Amino acid sequence: MSDVLPPADLVDEAVLAVPGVDSLYSAAPLVTAVITTALDALTSRPPSASTVLVEEMSGLSIAVKIGVGEGYAATEVCRQVHDAITVHLRGYPECEIAKIAVTVARIG
């Protein structure tokens, strides 16, 4: 396992570059997302990344929650998001991927 996780905001960029992804939502649990958003606003820091990266004993777990644009098949967009994350993380050979979870929060 790595001592350094890849920057989540760069994973966000890779996900948003996938055709059909028109929005990215926080994949963190609701309470965590609310607290983080409030802290971001109070401290005037840039918004936190939406992607959640968790290092586990078996490797890196990545969770993203997307909105799929009208005219795109959600299943295909999810596959492309998975592939985009996999390709992006190849730049971090010290990170072994345990799982990638792509959730569709909205279609159309």
C-alpha atoms as a PDB file:
ATOM      1  CA  MET A   1       0.000   0.000   0.000  1.00  0.00           C
ATOM      2  CA  SER A   2       1.024   3.598  -0.547  1.00  0.00           C
ATOM      3  CA  ASP A   3       1.760   6.306   1.967  1.00  0.00           C
ATOM      4  CA  VAL A   4       0.454   8.858  -0.522  1.00  0.00           C
ATOM      5  CA  LEU A   5      -3.014   8.689  -2.057  1.00  0.00           C
ATOM      6  CA  PRO A   6      -3.588  10.151  -5.519  1.00  0.00           C
ATOM      7  CA  PRO A   7      -5.260  13.590  -5.395  1.00  0.00           C
ATOM      8  CA  ALA A   8      -9.039  13.099  -5.383  1.00  0.00           C
ATOM      9  CA  ASP A   9      -9.601  16.322  -7.321  1.00  0.00           C
ATOM     10  CA  LEU A  10      -7.605  14.872 -10.237  1.00  0.00           C
ATOM     11  CA  VAL A  11      -9.781  11.756 -10.145  1.00  0.00           C
ATOM     12  CA  ASP A  12     -12.789  14.120 -10.253  1.00  0.00           C
ATOM     13  CA  GLU A  13     -11.366  15.727 -13.406  1.00  0.00           C
ATOM     14  CA  ALA A  14     -10.862  12.334 -15.057  1.00  0.00           C
ATOM     15  CA  VAL A  15     -14.475  11.374 -14.253  1.00  0.00           C
ATOM     16  CA  LEU A  16     -15.910  14.673 -15.522  1.00  0.00           C
ATOM     17  CA  ALA A  17     -14.016  14.227 -18.810  1.00  0.00           C
ATOM     18  CA  VAL A  18     -16.030  11.078 -19.615  1.00  0.00           C
ATOM     19  CA  PRO A  19     -18.709  11.736 -22.260  1.00  0.00           C
ATOM     20  CA  GLY A  20     -22.146  11.496 -20.658  1.00  0.00           C
ATOM     21  CA  VAL A  21     -21.065  12.586 -17.180  1.00  0.00           C
ATOM     22  CA  ASP A  22     -22.667  15.967 -16.657  1.00  0.00           C
ATOM     23  CA  SER A  23     -22.298  16.273 -12.885  1.00  0.00           C
ATOM     24  CA  LEU A  24     -20.391  14.852  -9.966  1.00  0.00           C
ATOM     25  CA  TYR A  25     -21.865  14.526  -6.491  1.00  0.00           C
ATOM     26  CA  SER A  26     -20.190  13.904  -3.180  1.00  0.00           C
ATOM     27  CA  ALA A  27     -19.730  10.190  -2.655  1.00  0.00           C
ATOM     28  CA  ALA A  28     -19.126  10.722   1.062  1.00  0.00           C
ATOM     29  CA  PRO A  29     -21.829   9.853   3.577  1.00  0.00           C
ATOM     30  CA  LEU A  30     -24.375  12.689   3.937  1.00  0.00           C
ATOM     31  CA  VAL A  31     -23.229  13.867   7.370  1.00  0.00           C
ATOM     32  CA  THR A  32     -19.597  13.989   6.253  1.00  0.00           C
ATOM     33  CA  ALA A  33     -20.529  15.856   3.071  1.00  0.00           C
ATOM     34  CA  VAL A  34     -22.555  18.465   4.995  1.00  0.00           C
ATOM     35  CA  ILE A  35     -19.772  19.068   7.534  1.00  0.00           C
ATOM     36  CA  THR A  36     -17.096  19.274   4.827  1.00  0.00           C
ATOM     37  CA  THR A  37     -19.156  21.703   2.740  1.00  0.00           C
ATOM     38  CA  ALA A  38     -19.771  23.915   5.778  1.00  0.00           C
ATOM     39  CA  LEU A  39     -16.069  23.908   6.689  1.00  0.00           C
ATOM     40  CA  ASP A  40     -15.106  24.711   3.100  1.00  0.00           C
ATOM     41  CA  ALA A  41     -17.448  27.722   3.160  1.00  0.00           C
ATOM     42  CA  LEU A  42     -16.410  28.945   6.625  1.00  0.00           C
ATOM     43  CA  THR A  43     -12.692  28.711   5.926  1.00  0.00           C
ATOM     44  CA  SER A  44     -12.950  30.080   2.361  1.00  0.00           C
ATOM     45  CA  ARG A  45     -11.045  27.080   1.065  1.00  0.00           C
ATOM     46  CA  PRO A  46     -11.814  25.588  -2.343  1.00  0.00           C
ATOM     47  CA  PRO A  47     -14.572  22.971  -2.339  1.00  0.00           C
ATOM     48  CA  SER A  48     -13.423  19.492  -1.402  1.00  0.00           C
ATOM     49  CA  ALA A  49     -13.245  16.799  -4.050  1.00  0.00           C
ATOM     50  CA  SER A  50     -16.346  14.698  -4.637  1.00  0.00           C
ATOM     51  CA  THR A  51     -14.522  11.417  -5.129  1.00  0.00           C
ATOM     52  CA  VAL A  52     -13.830   9.377  -2.011  1.00  0.00           C
ATOM     53  CA  LEU A  53     -10.526   7.516  -1.802  1.00  0.00           C
ATOM     54  CA  VAL A  54     -10.101   5.049   1.050  1.00  0.00           C
ATOM     55  CA  GLU A  55      -6.974   3.042   1.635  1.00  0.00           C
ATOM     56  CA  GLU A  56      -7.772  -0.421   2.974  1.00  0.00           C
ATOM     57  CA  MET A  57      -5.640  -3.460   3.696  1.00  0.00           C
ATOM     58  CA  SER A  58      -6.590  -4.921   0.302  1.00  0.00           C
ATOM     59  CA  GLY A  59      -5.780  -1.721  -1.603  1.00  0.00           C
ATOM     60  CA  LEU A  60      -7.402   1.528  -2.657  1.00  0.00           C
ATOM     61  CA  SER A  61     -11.204   1.807  -2.754  1.00  0.00           C
ATOM     62  CA  ILE A  62     -12.633   4.573  -4.905  1.00  0.00           C
ATOM     63  CA  ALA A  63     -16.250   5.786  -4.778  1.00  0.00           C
ATOM     64  CA  VAL A  64     -17.803   8.252  -7.221  1.00  0.00           C
ATOM     65  CA  LYS A  65     -21.380   9.423  -7.654  1.00  0.00           C
ATOM     66  CA  ILE A  66     -22.316  10.824 -11.062  1.00  0.00           C
ATOM     67  CA  GLY A  67     -25.124  12.415 -12.999  1.00  0.00           C
ATOM     68  CA  VAL A  68     -25.640  11.029 -16.511  1.00  0.00           C
ATOM     69  CA  GLY A  69     -26.711  13.390 -19.269  1.00  0.00           C
ATOM     70  CA  GLU A  70     -29.763  12.912 -21.434  1.00  0.00           C
ATOM     71  CA  GLY A  71     -29.191  10.652 -24.399  1.00  0.00           C
ATOM     72  CA  TYR A  72     -26.493   8.548 -22.744  1.00  0.00           C
ATOM     73  CA  ALA A  73     -26.845   4.989 -21.474  1.00  0.00           C
ATOM     74  CA  ALA A  74     -26.059   4.974 -17.753  1.00  0.00           C
ATOM     75  CA  THR A  75     -24.521   1.496 -17.884  1.00  0.00           C
ATOM     76  CA  GLU A  76     -22.101   2.456 -20.628  1.00  0.00           C
ATOM     77  CA  VAL A  77     -21.179   5.745 -18.917  1.00  0.00           C
ATOM     78  CA  CYS A  78     -20.452   3.835 -15.689  1.00  0.00           C
ATOM     79  CA  ARG A  79     -18.160   1.450 -17.581  1.00  0.00           C
ATOM     80  CA  GLN A  80     -16.343   4.387 -19.146  1.00  0.00           C
ATOM     81  CA  VAL A  81     -15.989   6.098 -15.738  1.00  0.00           C
ATOM     82  CA  HIS A  82     -14.540   2.885 -14.294  1.00  0.00           C
ATOM     83  CA  ASP A  83     -12.082   2.659 -17.190  1.00  0.00           C
ATOM     84  CA  ALA A  84     -11.126   6.365 -16.890  1.00  0.00           C
ATOM     85  CA  ILE A  85     -10.353   5.953 -13.175  1.00  0.00           C
ATOM     86  CA  THR A  86      -8.318   2.805 -13.864  1.00  0.00           C
ATOM     87  CA  VAL A  87      -6.295   4.572 -16.571  1.00  0.00           C
ATOM     88  CA  HIS A  88      -5.792   7.642 -14.373  1.00  0.00           C
ATOM     89  CA  LEU A  89      -4.544   5.579 -11.437  1.00  0.00           C
ATOM     90  CA  ARG A  90      -1.965   3.816 -13.621  1.00  0.00           C
ATOM     91  CA  GLY A  91       0.022   7.004 -13.045  1.00  0.00           C
ATOM     92  CA  TYR A  92       0.263   5.948  -9.389  1.00  0.00           C
ATOM     93  CA  PRO A  93       1.849   2.481  -9.594  1.00  0.00           C
ATOM     94  CA  GLU A  94       2.206   2.344  -5.805  1.00  0.00           C
ATOM     95  CA  CYS A  95      -1.609   2.314  -5.486  1.00  0.00           C
ATOM     96  CA  GLU A  96      -3.207  -1.086  -5.882  1.00  0.00           C
ATOM     97  CA  ILE A  97      -6.924  -0.809  -6.677  1.00  0.00           C
ATOM     98  CA  ALA A  98      -9.173  -2.952  -4.482  1.00  0.00           C
ATOM     99  CA  LYS A  99     -12.472  -1.687  -5.902  1.00  0.00           C
ATOM    100  CA  ILE A 100     -14.097   1.103  -7.858  1.00  0.00           C
ATOM    101  CA  ALA A 101     -17.729   1.913  -7.068  1.00  0.00           C
ATOM    102  CA  VAL A 102     -19.613   4.102  -9.551  1.00  0.00           C
ATOM    103  CA  THR A 103     -23.093   5.184  -8.452  1.00  0.00           C
ATOM    104  CA  VAL A 104     -25.572   6.982 -10.711  1.00  0.00           C
ATOM    105  CA  ALA A 105     -27.372   9.655  -8.696  1.00  0.00           C
ATOM    106  CA  ARG A 106     -29.298  11.166 -11.607  1.00  0.00           C
ATOM    107  CA  ILE A 107     -30.132  10.397 -15.228  1.00  0.00           C
ATOM    108  CA  GLY A 108     -31.157  13.109 -17.675  1.00  0.00           C
END
